[in-house]
Amino acid sequence: MDAEDLTALLADRAAIQDVVLHYFELVDAKAWDQMHEVFTDDTTARWTPESLVEGRAAVVGAMQHMVGSDEIVTYHHVASMAPVINGDTAVVTVRVRAMHYGLGPRAGQFYESLGIQPNRLVRTPEGWRIAHHDWQISVKLGNFDELFAPELAAGKRH
């Protein structure tokens, strides 16, 4: 690999890492109207083995439904990731500690998970974007059903 190819590879790796980190920043900031900066229009997400959510509007709507309340604060700590690039596509598996804490009437309630998030990305004219991600939870702490009781009672809105 010559110096020019190495420079391009390193630039792509950094851009992919930046888009993944930006995704988690947007979730924690509840910046739903900026998700076009990280997702393709036809992005998909699989949060459980039996559910595939298709399209950016549906994916963002599902996230907003679950963690959009002002009574829930999230903090995603992103660990290792090493993008593998193949032309205009890439895969990267991200390890994440996802913390969810209740405020106001939900004060004292929490749910945390340690997860692995495999992502597939594509290069677009606007830069790298997430085309698909899975969420595979390895460890669960706290009480998901208690913290998210209002959202679960309301059902799926996506």
C-alpha atoms as a PDB file:
ATOM      1  CA  MET A   1       0.000   0.000   0.000  1.00  0.00           C
ATOM      2  CA  ASP A   2       1.476   3.316  -1.018  1.00  0.00           C
ATOM      3  CA  ALA A   3       1.323   6.502   1.055  1.00  0.00           C
ATOM      4  CA  GLU A   4      -1.660   7.902  -0.867  1.00  0.00           C
ATOM      5  CA  ASP A   5      -3.720   4.722  -0.348  1.00  0.00           C
ATOM      6  CA  LEU A   6      -2.784   4.628   3.332  1.00  0.00           C
ATOM      7  CA  THR A   7      -3.811   8.258   3.778  1.00  0.00           C
ATOM      8  CA  ALA A   8      -7.187   7.587   2.099  1.00  0.00           C
ATOM      9  CA  LEU A   9      -7.736   4.483   4.250  1.00  0.00           C
ATOM     10  CA  LEU A  10      -6.951   6.357   7.467  1.00  0.00           C
ATOM     11  CA  ALA A  11      -9.207   9.263   6.436  1.00  0.00           C
ATOM     12  CA  ASP A  12     -12.093   6.844   5.768  1.00  0.00           C
ATOM     13  CA  ARG A  13     -11.553   5.058   9.078  1.00  0.00           C
ATOM     14  CA  ALA A  14     -11.602   8.367  10.963  1.00  0.00           C
ATOM     15  CA  ALA A  15     -14.720   9.530   9.089  1.00  0.00           C
ATOM     16  CA  ILE A  16     -16.539   6.275   9.919  1.00  0.00           C
ATOM     17  CA  GLN A  17     -15.577   6.506  13.588  1.00  0.00           C
ATOM     18  CA  ASP A  18     -16.747  10.133  13.610  1.00  0.00           C
ATOM     19  CA  VAL A  19     -20.166   9.239  12.156  1.00  0.00           C
ATOM     20  CA  VAL A  20     -20.675   6.452  14.702  1.00  0.00           C
ATOM     21  CA  LEU A  21     -19.697   8.713  17.601  1.00  0.00           C
ATOM     22  CA  HIS A  22     -21.918  11.481  16.213  1.00  0.00           C
ATOM     23  CA  TYR A  23     -24.848   9.034  16.140  1.00  0.00           C
ATOM     24  CA  PHE A  24     -24.533   8.404  19.877  1.00  0.00           C
ATOM     25  CA  GLU A  25     -24.084  12.130  20.568  1.00  0.00           C
ATOM     26  CA  LEU A  26     -27.319  12.858  18.679  1.00  0.00           C
ATOM     27  CA  VAL A  27     -29.209  10.172  20.612  1.00  0.00           C
ATOM     28  CA  ASP A  28     -27.982  11.534  23.955  1.00  0.00           C
ATOM     29  CA  ALA A  29     -28.848  15.099  22.893  1.00  0.00           C
ATOM     30  CA  LYS A  30     -32.248  13.931  21.591  1.00  0.00           C
ATOM     31  CA  ALA A  31     -31.406  15.730  18.336  1.00  0.00           C
ATOM     32  CA  TRP A  32     -33.849  13.706  16.247  1.00  0.00           C
ATOM     33  CA  ASP A  33     -33.997  16.266  13.435  1.00  0.00           C
ATOM     34  CA  GLN A  34     -30.265  15.833  12.794  1.00  0.00           C
ATOM     35  CA  MET A  35     -30.277  12.063  12.273  1.00  0.00           C
ATOM     36  CA  HIS A  36     -29.937  12.582   8.515  1.00  0.00           C
ATOM     37  CA  GLU A  37     -26.303  13.406   9.377  1.00  0.00           C
ATOM     38  CA  VAL A  38     -25.680   9.777  10.379  1.00  0.00           C
ATOM     39  CA  PHE A  39     -28.345   7.570   8.698  1.00  0.00           C
ATOM     40  CA  THR A  40     -29.176   6.825   5.090  1.00  0.00           C
ATOM     41  CA  ASP A  41     -32.797   7.412   4.051  1.00  0.00           C
ATOM     42  CA  ASP A  42     -33.322   3.656   3.806  1.00  0.00           C
ATOM     43  CA  THR A  43     -31.429   2.717   6.962  1.00  0.00           C
ATOM     44  CA  THR A  44     -32.559  -0.307   8.943  1.00  0.00           C
ATOM     45  CA  ALA A  45     -32.183  -1.292  12.582  1.00  0.00           C
ATOM     46  CA  ARG A  46     -32.597  -4.576  14.411  1.00  0.00           C
ATOM     47  CA  TRP A  47     -32.920  -4.082  18.166  1.00  0.00           C
ATOM     48  CA  THR A  48     -34.333  -7.538  18.846  1.00  0.00           C
ATOM     49  CA  PRO A  49     -34.068 -10.732  16.792  1.00  0.00           C
ATOM     50  CA  GLU A  50     -37.740 -10.489  15.796  1.00  0.00           C
ATOM     51  CA  SER A  51     -37.970  -6.805  14.880  1.00  0.00           C
ATOM     52  CA  LEU A  52     -36.494  -5.059  11.863  1.00  0.00           C
ATOM     53  CA  VAL A  53     -37.283  -1.353  11.586  1.00  0.00           C
ATOM     54  CA  GLU A  54     -36.950   0.043   8.066  1.00  0.00           C
ATOM     55  CA  GLY A  55     -36.370   3.620   6.913  1.00  0.00           C
ATOM     56  CA  ARG A  56     -34.820   6.595   8.703  1.00  0.00           C
ATOM     57  CA  ALA A  57     -38.175   8.062   9.751  1.00  0.00           C
ATOM     58  CA  ALA A  58     -39.259   4.793  11.380  1.00  0.00           C
ATOM     59  CA  VAL A  59     -35.889   4.171  13.047  1.00  0.00           C
ATOM     60  CA  VAL A  60     -35.718   7.702  14.444  1.00  0.00           C
ATOM     61  CA  GLY A  61     -39.385   7.544  15.469  1.00  0.00           C
ATOM     62  CA  ALA A  62     -38.766   4.341  17.405  1.00  0.00           C
ATOM     63  CA  MET A  63     -35.761   5.843  19.199  1.00  0.00           C
ATOM     64  CA  GLN A  64     -37.663   9.021  19.990  1.00  0.00           C
ATOM     65  CA  HIS A  65     -40.604   6.992  21.299  1.00  0.00           C
ATOM     66  CA  MET A  66     -38.394   5.050  23.728  1.00  0.00           C
ATOM     67  CA  VAL A  67     -35.864   7.645  24.956  1.00  0.00           C
ATOM     68  CA  GLY A  68     -37.323  10.975  23.826  1.00  0.00           C
ATOM     69  CA  SER A  69     -38.984  11.813  27.140  1.00  0.00           C
ATOM     70  CA  ASP A  70     -37.498  14.589  29.261  1.00  0.00           C
ATOM     71  CA  GLU A  71     -37.881  12.123  32.144  1.00  0.00           C
ATOM     72  CA  ILE A  72     -35.119   9.915  30.700  1.00  0.00           C
ATOM     73  CA  VAL A  73     -31.507  10.924  30.291  1.00  0.00           C
ATOM     74  CA  THR A  74     -29.197   8.699  28.283  1.00  0.00           C
ATOM     75  CA  TYR A  75     -25.447   8.426  28.173  1.00  0.00           C
ATOM     76  CA  HIS A  76     -23.704   6.151  25.724  1.00  0.00           C
ATOM     77  CA  HIS A  77     -20.087   5.315  26.413  1.00  0.00           C
ATOM     78  CA  VAL A  78     -18.539   4.040  23.195  1.00  0.00           C
ATOM     79  CA  ALA A  79     -15.537   1.753  23.403  1.00  0.00           C
ATOM     80  CA  SER A  80     -13.485   0.037  20.745  1.00  0.00           C
ATOM     81  CA  MET A  81     -14.240   0.024  17.055  1.00  0.00           C
ATOM     82  CA  ALA A  82     -12.115  -0.854  14.043  1.00  0.00           C
ATOM     83  CA  PRO A  83     -13.809  -0.123  10.697  1.00  0.00           C
ATOM     84  CA  VAL A  84     -13.216  -2.539   7.830  1.00  0.00           C
ATOM     85  CA  ILE A  85     -13.604  -0.749   4.499  1.00  0.00           C
ATOM     86  CA  ASN A  86     -14.323  -2.297   1.121  1.00  0.00           C
ATOM     87  CA  GLY A  87     -14.609   0.476  -1.474  1.00  0.00           C
ATOM     88  CA  ASP A  88     -17.759   2.456  -0.741  1.00  0.00           C
ATOM     89  CA  THR A  89     -19.031   0.121   1.982  1.00  0.00           C
ATOM     90  CA  ALA A  90     -17.767  -0.587   5.461  1.00  0.00           C
ATOM     91  CA  VAL A  91     -18.558  -2.602   8.558  1.00  0.00           C
ATOM     92  CA  VAL A  92     -17.689  -1.689  12.103  1.00  0.00           C
ATOM     93  CA  THR A  93     -18.619  -3.401  15.351  1.00  0.00           C
ATOM     94  CA  VAL A  94     -18.946  -1.012  18.272  1.00  0.00           C
ATOM     95  CA  ARG A  95     -18.968  -1.887  21.954  1.00  0.00           C
ATOM     96  CA  VAL A  96     -21.269   0.364  23.976  1.00  0.00           C
ATOM     97  CA  ARG A  97     -22.321   0.947  27.567  1.00  0.00           C
ATOM     98  CA  ALA A  98     -25.814   2.434  27.313  1.00  0.00           C
ATOM     99  CA  MET A  99     -27.024   4.136  30.478  1.00  0.00           C
ATOM    100  CA  HIS A 100     -30.611   5.317  30.954  1.00  0.00           C
ATOM    101  CA  TYR A 101     -31.607   7.224  34.098  1.00  0.00           C
ATOM    102  CA  GLY A 102     -34.973   8.524  35.240  1.00  0.00           C
ATOM    103  CA  LEU A 103     -35.702  12.126  36.186  1.00  0.00           C
ATOM    104  CA  GLY A 104     -38.744  13.721  37.828  1.00  0.00           C
ATOM    105  CA  PRO A 105     -41.392  11.052  38.479  1.00  0.00           C
ATOM    106  CA  ARG A 106     -38.918   8.393  37.324  1.00  0.00           C
ATOM    107  CA  ALA A 107     -36.100   9.536  39.637  1.00  0.00           C
ATOM    108  CA  GLY A 108     -34.147   6.597  41.024  1.00  0.00           C
ATOM    109  CA  GLN A 109     -35.080   4.272  38.167  1.00  0.00           C
ATOM    110  CA  PHE A 110     -32.392   3.129  35.777  1.00  0.00           C
ATOM    111  CA  TYR A 111     -31.536   0.662  33.080  1.00  0.00           C
ATOM    112  CA  GLU A 112     -28.084  -0.042  31.675  1.00  0.00           C
ATOM    113  CA  SER A 113     -26.879  -2.416  29.043  1.00  0.00           C
ATOM    114  CA  LEU A 114     -23.557  -3.509  27.687  1.00  0.00           C
ATOM    115  CA  GLY A 115     -24.049  -4.058  24.021  1.00  0.00           C
ATOM    116  CA  ILE A 116     -22.378  -4.851  20.780  1.00  0.00           C
ATOM    117  CA  GLN A 117     -23.576  -2.876  17.783  1.00  0.00           C
ATOM    118  CA  PRO A 118     -22.559  -4.214  14.375  1.00  0.00           C
ATOM    119  CA  ASN A 119     -22.985  -1.469  11.765  1.00  0.00           C
ATOM    120  CA  ARG A 120     -22.957  -1.444   7.996  1.00  0.00           C
ATOM    121  CA  LEU A 121     -22.110   1.902   6.406  1.00  0.00           C
ATOM    122  CA  VAL A 122     -22.084   3.293   2.884  1.00  0.00           C
ATOM    123  CA  ARG A 123     -20.253   6.208   1.358  1.00  0.00           C
ATOM    124  CA  THR A 124     -22.716   8.857   0.122  1.00  0.00           C
ATOM    125  CA  PRO A 125     -22.116  12.248  -1.535  1.00  0.00           C
ATOM    126  CA  GLU A 126     -22.554  13.739   1.970  1.00  0.00           C
ATOM    127  CA  GLY A 127     -20.031  11.321   3.554  1.00  0.00           C
ATOM    128  CA  TRP A 128     -20.274   7.989   5.353  1.00  0.00           C
ATOM    129  CA  ARG A 129     -23.735   7.054   6.666  1.00  0.00           C
ATOM    130  CA  ILE A 130     -25.093   4.139   8.692  1.00  0.00           C
ATOM    131  CA  ALA A 131     -27.169   1.874   6.456  1.00  0.00           C
ATOM    132  CA  HIS A 132     -27.935  -0.752   9.112  1.00  0.00           C
ATOM    133  CA  HIS A 133     -27.233  -1.476  12.748  1.00  0.00           C
ATOM    134  CA  ASP A 134     -28.013  -4.266  15.149  1.00  0.00           C
ATOM    135  CA  TRP A 135     -28.161  -4.018  18.911  1.00  0.00           C
ATOM    136  CA  GLN A 136     -26.973  -7.152  20.694  1.00  0.00           C
ATOM    137  CA  ILE A 137     -27.192  -6.845  24.476  1.00  0.00           C
ATOM    138  CA  SER A 138     -24.677  -8.841  26.486  1.00  0.00           C
ATOM    139  CA  VAL A 139     -25.456  -7.559  30.007  1.00  0.00           C
ATOM    140  CA  LYS A 140     -28.574  -5.916  31.470  1.00  0.00           C
ATOM    141  CA  LEU A 141     -28.594  -3.957  34.730  1.00  0.00           C
ATOM    142  CA  GLY A 142     -31.496  -2.226  36.438  1.00  0.00           C
ATOM    143  CA  ASN A 143     -35.130  -2.527  35.452  1.00  0.00           C
ATOM    144  CA  PHE A 144     -36.042  -1.832  31.816  1.00  0.00           C
ATOM    145  CA  ASP A 145     -39.771  -2.485  32.319  1.00  0.00           C
ATOM    146  CA  GLU A 146     -40.002  -0.086  35.260  1.00  0.00           C
ATOM    147  CA  LEU A 147     -38.068   2.803  33.676  1.00  0.00           C
ATOM    148  CA  PHE A 148     -39.832   2.527  30.321  1.00  0.00           C
ATOM    149  CA  ALA A 149     -43.311   1.649  31.650  1.00  0.00           C
ATOM    150  CA  PRO A 150     -45.070   4.632  29.960  1.00  0.00           C
ATOM    151  CA  GLU A 151     -43.424   3.918  26.607  1.00  0.00           C
ATOM    152  CA  LEU A 152     -44.162   0.209  26.799  1.00  0.00           C
ATOM    153  CA  ALA A 153     -47.781   0.912  27.786  1.00  0.00           C
ATOM    154  CA  ALA A 154     -48.150   3.238  24.788  1.00  0.00           C
ATOM    155  CA  GLY A 155     -46.950   0.488  22.459  1.00  0.00           C
ATOM    156  CA  LYS A 156     -44.971   0.840  19.296  1.00  0.00           C
ATOM    157  CA  ARG A 157     -45.387   4.129  17.491  1.00  0.00           C
ATOM    158  CA  HIS A 158     -43.278   3.452  14.441  1.00  0.00           C
END
